[in-house]
Amino acid sequence: MKKYKLYDTESEWNAKNAEIEAALGIPDGKTLNYAQVEIVENSESDDHGKFIMPVLFAGSWISTSFFNSVELVDWQDDWIVGSPQE
């Protein structure tokens, strides 16, 4: 299962990604980073221009403890035009 946290600025996104990587020991020889920067690119979306952070609930890099669960959202297909995630 995966949810997402949206950030208004890239610096907020970068800070959270760095915090998660440090806590999880990334890079570790197999994984170079926790996430790649992805932006809501659809200008018709209410979230246009926000930075998308994946929140993993299972697997090697569970990250739920780094987020307030009430701030998490489901993937919206209108975020990335022509490229649905799920």
PDB file of N, CA and C in Angstrom:
ATOM      1  N   MET A   1       0.852  -1.184   0.000  1.00  0.00           N
ATOM      2  CA  MET A   1       0.000   0.000   0.000  1.00  0.00           C
ATOM      3  C   MET A   1       0.889   1.236   0.000  1.00  0.00           C
ATOM      4  N   LYS A   2       0.407   2.247  -0.685  1.00  0.00           N
ATOM      5  CA  LYS A   2       1.160   3.483  -0.781  1.00  0.00           C
ATOM      6  C   LYS A   2       0.192   4.662  -0.707  1.00  0.00           C
ATOM      7  N   LYS A   3       0.593   5.668   0.036  1.00  0.00           N
ATOM      8  CA  LYS A   3      -0.122   6.946   0.088  1.00  0.00           C
ATOM      9  C   LYS A   3       0.897   8.010  -0.298  1.00  0.00           C
ATOM     10  N   TYR A   4       0.477   9.251  -0.268  1.00  0.00           N
ATOM     11  CA  TYR A   4       1.343  10.335  -0.695  1.00  0.00           C
ATOM     12  C   TYR A   4       1.162  11.549   0.204  1.00  0.00           C
ATOM     13  N   LYS A   5       2.244  12.299   0.329  1.00  0.00           N
ATOM     14  CA  LYS A   5       2.226  13.583   1.030  1.00  0.00           C
ATOM     15  C   LYS A   5       2.640  14.619   0.003  1.00  0.00           C
ATOM     16  N   LEU A   6       1.874  15.694  -0.079  1.00  0.00           N
ATOM     17  CA  LEU A   6       2.186  16.763  -1.017  1.00  0.00           C
ATOM     18  C   LEU A   6       2.869  17.913  -0.289  1.00  0.00           C
ATOM     19  N   TYR A   7       3.917  18.437  -0.907  1.00  0.00           N
ATOM     20  CA  TYR A   7       4.655  19.570  -0.352  1.00  0.00           C
ATOM     21  C   TYR A   7       4.540  20.760  -1.292  1.00  0.00           C
ATOM     22  N   ASP A   8       4.454  21.939  -0.707  1.00  0.00           N
ATOM     23  CA  ASP A   8       4.340  23.163  -1.503  1.00  0.00           C
ATOM     24  C   ASP A   8       5.648  23.556  -2.169  1.00  0.00           C
ATOM     25  N   THR A   9       6.785  23.215  -1.535  1.00  0.00           N
ATOM     26  CA  THR A   9       8.079  23.622  -2.093  1.00  0.00           C
ATOM     27  C   THR A   9       9.020  22.427  -2.233  1.00  0.00           C
ATOM     28  N   GLU A  10       9.944  22.561  -3.151  1.00  0.00           N
ATOM     29  CA  GLU A  10      10.943  21.512  -3.346  1.00  0.00           C
ATOM     30  C   GLU A  10      11.864  21.406  -2.135  1.00  0.00           C
ATOM     31  N   SER A  11      12.136  22.526  -1.465  1.00  0.00           N
ATOM     32  CA  SER A  11      13.009  22.474  -0.296  1.00  0.00           C
ATOM     33  C   SER A  11      12.359  21.676   0.841  1.00  0.00           C
ATOM     34  N   GLU A  12      11.045  21.798   1.024  1.00  0.00           N
ATOM     35  CA  GLU A  12      10.341  20.973   2.025  1.00  0.00           C
ATOM     36  C   GLU A  12      10.446  19.495   1.649  1.00  0.00           C
ATOM     37  N   TRP A  13      10.222  19.196   0.372  1.00  0.00           N
ATOM     38  CA  TRP A  13      10.313  17.823  -0.120  1.00  0.00           C
ATOM     39  C   TRP A  13      11.722  17.281   0.106  1.00  0.00           C
ATOM     40  N   ASN A  14      12.735  18.058  -0.258  1.00  0.00           N
ATOM     41  CA  ASN A  14      14.126  17.628  -0.104  1.00  0.00           C
ATOM     42  C   ASN A  14      14.489  17.372   1.359  1.00  0.00           C
ATOM     43  N   ALA A  15      14.013  18.218   2.252  1.00  0.00           N
ATOM     44  CA  ALA A  15      14.300  18.050   3.681  1.00  0.00           C
ATOM     45  C   ALA A  15      13.699  16.750   4.206  1.00  0.00           C
ATOM     46  N   LYS A  16      12.451  16.454   3.842  1.00  0.00           N
ATOM     47  CA  LYS A  16      11.806  15.223   4.301  1.00  0.00           C
ATOM     48  C   LYS A  16      12.499  13.997   3.689  1.00  0.00           C
ATOM     49  N   ASN A  17      12.848  14.071   2.429  1.00  0.00           N
ATOM     50  CA  ASN A  17      13.536  12.952   1.779  1.00  0.00           C
ATOM     51  C   ASN A  17      14.881  12.691   2.459  1.00  0.00           C
ATOM     52  N   ALA A  18      15.619  13.750   2.770  1.00  0.00           N
ATOM     53  CA  ALA A  18      16.914  13.598   3.448  1.00  0.00           C
ATOM     54  C   ALA A  18      16.732  12.993   4.842  1.00  0.00           C
ATOM     55  N   GLU A  19      15.696  13.413   5.562  1.00  0.00           N
ATOM     56  CA  GLU A  19      15.410  12.859   6.891  1.00  0.00           C
ATOM     57  C   GLU A  19      15.126  11.351   6.812  1.00  0.00           C
ATOM     58  N   ILE A  20      14.306  10.964   5.842  1.00  0.00           N
ATOM     59  CA  ILE A  20      13.959   9.550   5.679  1.00  0.00           C
ATOM     60  C   ILE A  20      15.191   8.740   5.285  1.00  0.00           C
ATOM     61  N   GLU A  21      15.958   9.239   4.338  1.00  0.00           N
ATOM     62  CA  GLU A  21      17.163   8.520   3.901  1.00  0.00           C
ATOM     63  C   GLU A  21      18.140   8.329   5.049  1.00  0.00           C
ATOM     64  N   ALA A  22      18.351   9.349   5.856  1.00  0.00           N
ATOM     65  CA  ALA A  22      19.275   9.238   6.990  1.00  0.00           C
ATOM     66  C   ALA A  22      18.782   8.190   7.989  1.00  0.00           C
ATOM     67  N   ALA A  23      17.497   8.220   8.288  1.00  0.00           N
ATOM     68  CA  ALA A  23      16.944   7.282   9.267  1.00  0.00           C
ATOM     69  C   ALA A  23      16.951   5.835   8.760  1.00  0.00           C
ATOM     70  N   LEU A  24      16.753   5.655   7.463  1.00  0.00           N
ATOM     71  CA  LEU A  24      16.694   4.309   6.894  1.00  0.00           C
ATOM     72  C   LEU A  24      18.047   3.802   6.395  1.00  0.00           C
ATOM     73  N   GLY A  25      19.069   4.639   6.481  1.00  0.00           N
ATOM     74  CA  GLY A  25      20.403   4.228   6.042  1.00  0.00           C
ATOM     75  C   GLY A  25      20.556   4.157   4.538  1.00  0.00           C
ATOM     76  N   ILE A  26      19.913   5.059   3.834  1.00  0.00           N
ATOM     77  CA  ILE A  26      19.992   5.116   2.373  1.00  0.00           C
ATOM     78  C   ILE A  26      20.956   6.242   1.999  1.00  0.00           C
ATOM     79  N   PRO A  27      21.897   6.074   1.094  1.00  0.00           N
ATOM     80  CA  PRO A  27      22.104   4.895   0.249  1.00  0.00           C
ATOM     81  C   PRO A  27      22.749   3.752   1.024  1.00  0.00           C
ATOM     82  N   ASP A  28      22.478   2.558   0.565  1.00  0.00           N
ATOM     83  CA  ASP A  28      22.973   1.378   1.277  1.00  0.00           C
ATOM     84  C   ASP A  28      23.704   0.382   0.386  1.00  0.00           C
ATOM     85  N   GLY A  29      24.049   0.771  -0.810  1.00  0.00           N
ATOM     86  CA  GLY A  29      24.729  -0.136  -1.723  1.00  0.00           C
ATOM     87  C   GLY A  29      23.772  -0.744  -2.741  1.00  0.00           C
ATOM     88  N   LYS A  30      22.517  -0.883  -2.372  1.00  0.00           N
ATOM     89  CA  LYS A  30      21.501  -1.395  -3.307  1.00  0.00           C
ATOM     90  C   LYS A  30      20.541  -0.288  -3.736  1.00  0.00           C
ATOM     91  N   THR A  31      20.286   0.621  -2.836  1.00  0.00           N
ATOM     92  CA  THR A  31      19.343   1.710  -3.092  1.00  0.00           C
ATOM     93  C   THR A  31      20.069   3.035  -2.964  1.00  0.00           C
ATOM     94  N   LEU A  32      19.920   3.884  -3.979  1.00  0.00           N
ATOM     95  CA  LEU A  32      20.604   5.175  -3.972  1.00  0.00           C
ATOM     96  C   LEU A  32      19.797   6.273  -3.303  1.00  0.00           C
ATOM     97  N   ASN A  33      18.464   6.194  -3.367  1.00  0.00           N
ATOM     98  CA  ASN A  33      17.636   7.220  -2.739  1.00  0.00           C
ATOM     99  C   ASN A  33      16.267   6.665  -2.380  1.00  0.00           C
ATOM    100  N   TYR A  34      15.596   7.348  -1.479  1.00  0.00           N
ATOM    101  CA  TYR A  34      14.255   6.927  -1.063  1.00  0.00           C
ATOM    102  C   TYR A  34      13.241   7.231  -2.167  1.00  0.00           C
ATOM    103  N   ALA A  35      13.281   8.430  -2.706  1.00  0.00           N
ATOM    104  CA  ALA A  35      12.299   8.839  -3.720  1.00  0.00           C
ATOM    105  C   ALA A  35      12.929   9.787  -4.721  1.00  0.00           C
ATOM    106  N   GLN A  36      12.284   9.903  -5.864  1.00  0.00           N
ATOM    107  CA  GLN A  36      12.663  10.864  -6.890  1.00  0.00           C
ATOM    108  C   GLN A  36      11.650  12.001  -6.865  1.00  0.00           C
ATOM    109  N   VAL A  37      12.117  13.222  -7.070  1.00  0.00           N
ATOM    110  CA  VAL A  37      11.213  14.367  -7.100  1.00  0.00           C
ATOM    111  C   VAL A  37      10.214  14.197  -8.244  1.00  0.00           C
ATOM    112  N   GLU A  38       8.946  14.347  -7.903  1.00  0.00           N
ATOM    113  CA  GLU A  38       7.880  14.307  -8.892  1.00  0.00           C
ATOM    114  C   GLU A  38       6.919  15.446  -8.555  1.00  0.00           C
ATOM    115  N   ILE A  39       6.484  16.161  -9.578  1.00  0.00           N
ATOM    116  CA  ILE A  39       5.654  17.345  -9.385  1.00  0.00           C
ATOM    117  C   ILE A  39       4.291  17.133 -10.046  1.00  0.00           C
ATOM    118  N   VAL A  40       3.246  17.629  -9.405  1.00  0.00           N
ATOM    119  CA  VAL A  40       1.924  17.613 -10.027  1.00  0.00           C
ATOM    120  C   VAL A  40       2.004  18.567 -11.212  1.00  0.00           C
ATOM    121  N   GLU A  41       1.968  18.007 -12.420  1.00  0.00           N
ATOM    122  CA  GLU A  41       2.211  18.814 -13.618  1.00  0.00           C
ATOM    123  C   GLU A  41       0.935  19.287 -14.313  1.00  0.00           C
ATOM    124  N   ASN A  42      -0.192  18.692 -13.997  1.00  0.00           N
ATOM    125  CA  ASN A  42      -1.443  19.055 -14.649  1.00  0.00           C
ATOM    126  C   ASN A  42      -1.942  20.400 -14.121  1.00  0.00           C
ATOM    127  N   SER A  43      -1.956  21.394 -14.973  1.00  0.00           N
ATOM    128  CA  SER A  43      -2.360  22.740 -14.561  1.00  0.00           C
ATOM    129  C   SER A  43      -3.834  22.818 -14.172  1.00  0.00           C
ATOM    130  N   GLU A  44      -4.618  21.813 -14.526  1.00  0.00           N
ATOM    131  CA  GLU A  44      -6.036  21.802 -14.162  1.00  0.00           C
ATOM    132  C   GLU A  44      -6.279  21.156 -12.798  1.00  0.00           C
ATOM    133  N   SER A  45      -5.259  20.552 -12.215  1.00  0.00           N
ATOM    134  CA  SER A  45      -5.389  19.927 -10.898  1.00  0.00           C
ATOM    135  C   SER A  45      -5.322  20.986  -9.804  1.00  0.00           C
ATOM    136  N   ASP A  46      -6.100  20.799  -8.745  1.00  0.00           N
ATOM    137  CA  ASP A  46      -6.030  21.701  -7.589  1.00  0.00           C
ATOM    138  C   ASP A  46      -4.659  21.644  -6.925  1.00  0.00           C
ATOM    139  N   ASP A  47      -3.919  20.582  -7.166  1.00  0.00           N
ATOM    140  CA  ASP A  47      -2.601  20.390  -6.551  1.00  0.00           C
ATOM    141  C   ASP A  47      -1.447  20.776  -7.475  1.00  0.00           C
ATOM    142  N   HIS A  48      -1.740  21.441  -8.584  1.00  0.00           N
ATOM    143  CA  HIS A  48      -0.712  21.801  -9.565  1.00  0.00           C
ATOM    144  C   HIS A  48       0.489  22.472  -8.905  1.00  0.00           C
ATOM    145  N   GLY A  49       1.684  21.991  -9.269  1.00  0.00           N
ATOM    146  CA  GLY A  49       2.919  22.581  -8.777  1.00  0.00           C
ATOM    147  C   GLY A  49       3.413  22.020  -7.454  1.00  0.00           C
ATOM    148  N   LYS A  50       2.634  21.152  -6.813  1.00  0.00           N
ATOM    149  CA  LYS A  50       3.065  20.567  -5.544  1.00  0.00           C
ATOM    150  C   LYS A  50       4.000  19.384  -5.799  1.00  0.00           C
ATOM    151  N   PHE A  51       4.809  19.081  -4.805  1.00  0.00           N
ATOM    152  CA  PHE A  51       5.809  18.029  -4.892  1.00  0.00           C
ATOM    153  C   PHE A  51       5.278  16.775  -4.194  1.00  0.00           C
ATOM    154  N   ILE A  52       5.338  15.635  -4.893  1.00  0.00           N
ATOM    155  CA  ILE A  52       4.720  14.392  -4.447  1.00  0.00           C
ATOM    156  C   ILE A  52       5.743  13.498  -3.751  1.00  0.00           C
ATOM    157  N   MET A  53       5.470  13.165  -2.489  1.00  0.00           N
ATOM    158  CA  MET A  53       6.332  12.255  -1.722  1.00  0.00           C
ATOM    159  C   MET A  53       5.574  10.949  -1.487  1.00  0.00           C
ATOM    160  N   PRO A  54       6.121   9.814  -1.955  1.00  0.00           N
ATOM    161  CA  PRO A  54       5.469   8.535  -1.675  1.00  0.00           C
ATOM    162  C   PRO A  54       5.670   8.137  -0.213  1.00  0.00           C
ATOM    163  N   VAL A  55       4.661   7.517   0.368  1.00  0.00           N
ATOM    164  CA  VAL A  55       4.726   7.025   1.744  1.00  0.00           C
ATOM    165  C   VAL A  55       4.451   5.531   1.681  1.00  0.00           C
ATOM    166  N   LEU A  56       5.469   4.739   2.027  1.00  0.00           N
ATOM    167  CA  LEU A  56       5.371   3.286   1.888  1.00  0.00           C
ATOM    168  C   LEU A  56       4.910   2.634   3.179  1.00  0.00           C
ATOM    169  N   PHE A  57       3.930   1.747   3.060  1.00  0.00           N
ATOM    170  CA  PHE A  57       3.368   1.035   4.197  1.00  0.00           C
ATOM    171  C   PHE A  57       3.913  -0.381   4.311  1.00  0.00           C
ATOM    172  N   ALA A  58       4.654  -0.837   3.305  1.00  0.00           N
ATOM    173  CA  ALA A  58       5.194  -2.206   3.297  1.00  0.00           C
ATOM    174  C   ALA A  58       6.509  -2.210   2.532  1.00  0.00           C
ATOM    175  N   GLY A  59       7.258  -3.294   2.705  1.00  0.00           N
ATOM    176  CA  GLY A  59       8.516  -3.439   1.982  1.00  0.00           C
ATOM    177  C   GLY A  59       9.714  -3.039   2.828  1.00  0.00           C
ATOM    178  N   SER A  60      10.840  -2.884   2.171  1.00  0.00           N
ATOM    179  CA  SER A  60      12.099  -2.592   2.857  1.00  0.00           C
ATOM    180  C   SER A  60      12.166  -1.186   3.437  1.00  0.00           C
ATOM    181  N   TRP A  61      11.456  -0.256   2.841  1.00  0.00           N
ATOM    182  CA  TRP A  61      11.589   1.151   3.235  1.00  0.00           C
ATOM    183  C   TRP A  61      10.279   1.718   3.766  1.00  0.00           C
ATOM    184  N   ILE A  62       9.669   1.049   4.718  1.00  0.00           N
ATOM    185  CA  ILE A  62       8.440   1.545   5.333  1.00  0.00           C
ATOM    186  C   ILE A  62       8.714   2.921   5.932  1.00  0.00           C
ATOM    187  N   SER A  63       7.862   3.883   5.588  1.00  0.00           N
ATOM    188  CA  SER A  63       8.135   5.267   5.992  1.00  0.00           C
ATOM    189  C   SER A  63       6.974   5.931   6.710  1.00  0.00           C
ATOM    190  N   THR A  64       5.988   5.173   7.117  1.00  0.00           N
ATOM    191  CA  THR A  64       4.793   5.761   7.730  1.00  0.00           C
ATOM    192  C   THR A  64       5.087   6.554   8.998  1.00  0.00           C
ATOM    193  N   SER A  65       6.099   6.175   9.731  1.00  0.00           N
ATOM    194  CA  SER A  65       6.388   6.861  10.997  1.00  0.00           C
ATOM    195  C   SER A  65       6.910   8.288  10.804  1.00  0.00           C
ATOM    196  N   PHE A  66       7.258   8.648   9.593  1.00  0.00           N
ATOM    197  CA  PHE A  66       7.781   9.987   9.310  1.00  0.00           C
ATOM    198  C   PHE A  66       6.691  10.998   8.957  1.00  0.00           C
ATOM    199  N   PHE A  67       5.436  10.543   8.935  1.00  0.00           N
ATOM    200  CA  PHE A  67       4.343  11.386   8.460  1.00  0.00           C
ATOM    201  C   PHE A  67       3.158  11.358   9.412  1.00  0.00           C
ATOM    202  N   ASN A  68       2.384  12.430   9.389  1.00  0.00           N
ATOM    203  CA  ASN A  68       1.108  12.496  10.095  1.00  0.00           C
ATOM    204  C   ASN A  68       0.070  11.879   9.157  1.00  0.00           C
ATOM    205  N   SER A  69      -0.556  10.799   9.572  1.00  0.00           N
ATOM    206  CA  SER A  69      -1.447  10.050   8.689  1.00  0.00           C
ATOM    207  C   SER A  69      -2.619  10.879   8.152  1.00  0.00           C
ATOM    208  N   VAL A  70      -3.055  11.893   8.872  1.00  0.00           N
ATOM    209  CA  VAL A  70      -4.182  12.698   8.386  1.00  0.00           C
ATOM    210  C   VAL A  70      -3.787  13.594   7.208  1.00  0.00           C
ATOM    211  N   GLU A  71      -2.485  13.750   6.970  1.00  0.00           N
ATOM    212  CA  GLU A  71      -2.012  14.575   5.859  1.00  0.00           C
ATOM    213  C   GLU A  71      -1.761  13.771   4.587  1.00  0.00           C
ATOM    214  N   LEU A  72      -1.947  12.454   4.650  1.00  0.00           N
ATOM    215  CA  LEU A  72      -1.664  11.599   3.504  1.00  0.00           C
ATOM    216  C   LEU A  72      -2.869  11.515   2.586  1.00  0.00           C
ATOM    217  N   VAL A  73      -2.589  11.405   1.304  1.00  0.00           N
ATOM    218  CA  VAL A  73      -3.656  11.340   0.300  1.00  0.00           C
ATOM    219  C   VAL A  73      -3.403  10.166  -0.643  1.00  0.00           C
ATOM    220  N   ASP A  74      -4.450   9.769  -1.339  1.00  0.00           N
ATOM    221  CA  ASP A  74      -4.331   8.749  -2.378  1.00  0.00           C
ATOM    222  C   ASP A  74      -3.815   9.391  -3.656  1.00  0.00           C
ATOM    223  N   TRP A  75      -3.223   8.558  -4.516  1.00  0.00           N
ATOM    224  CA  TRP A  75      -2.766   9.020  -5.821  1.00  0.00           C
ATOM    225  C   TRP A  75      -3.961   9.515  -6.623  1.00  0.00           C
ATOM    226  N   GLN A  76      -3.777  10.626  -7.310  1.00  0.00           N
ATOM    227  CA  GLN A  76      -4.811  11.172  -8.191  1.00  0.00           C
ATOM    228  C   GLN A  76      -4.309  11.080  -9.626  1.00  0.00           C
ATOM    229  N   ASP A  77      -5.070  10.401 -10.473  1.00  0.00           N
ATOM    230  CA  ASP A  77      -4.639  10.210 -11.856  1.00  0.00           C
ATOM    231  C   ASP A  77      -4.467  11.519 -12.620  1.00  0.00           C
ATOM    232  N   ASP A  78      -5.093  12.597 -12.153  1.00  0.00           N
ATOM    233  CA  ASP A  78      -4.956  13.874 -12.868  1.00  0.00           C
ATOM    234  C   ASP A  78      -3.678  14.633 -12.497  1.00  0.00           C
ATOM    235  N   TRP A  79      -2.881  14.104 -11.570  1.00  0.00           N
ATOM    236  CA  TRP A  79      -1.632  14.782 -11.215  1.00  0.00           C
ATOM    237  C   TRP A  79      -0.639  14.783 -12.368  1.00  0.00           C
ATOM    238  N   ILE A  80      -0.441  13.636 -12.980  1.00  0.00           N
ATOM    239  CA  ILE A  80       0.532  13.478 -14.063  1.00  0.00           C
ATOM    240  C   ILE A  80      -0.225  13.094 -15.318  1.00  0.00           C
ATOM    241  N   VAL A  81      -0.277  13.988 -16.271  1.00  0.00           N
ATOM    242  CA  VAL A  81      -1.066  13.769 -17.494  1.00  0.00           C
ATOM    243  C   VAL A  81      -0.509  12.577 -18.267  1.00  0.00           C
ATOM    244  N   GLY A  82      -1.391  11.601 -18.516  1.00  0.00           N
ATOM    245  CA  GLY A  82      -1.020  10.437 -19.330  1.00  0.00           C
ATOM    246  C   GLY A  82      -0.150   9.419 -18.658  1.00  0.00           C
ATOM    247  N   SER A  83       0.041   9.497 -17.331  1.00  0.00           N
ATOM    248  CA  SER A  83       0.941   8.578 -16.648  1.00  0.00           C
ATOM    249  C   SER A  83       0.393   8.161 -15.267  1.00  0.00           C
ATOM    250  N   PRO A  84      -0.717   7.403 -15.264  1.00  0.00           N
ATOM    251  CA  PRO A  84      -1.254   6.989 -13.965  1.00  0.00           C
ATOM    252  C   PRO A  84      -0.299   6.061 -13.226  1.00  0.00           C
ATOM    253  N   GLN A  85      -0.170   6.259 -11.903  1.00  0.00           N
ATOM    254  CA  GLN A  85       0.720   5.452 -11.065  1.00  0.00           C
ATOM    255  C   GLN A  85       0.077   4.147 -10.662  1.00  0.00           C
ATOM    256  N   GLU A  86      -1.205   4.178 -10.378  1.00  0.00           N
ATOM    257  CA  GLU A  86      -1.852   2.988  -9.843  1.00  0.00           C
ATOM    258  C   GLU A  86      -3.170   2.734 -10.537  1.00  0.00           C
TER     259      GLU A  86
END
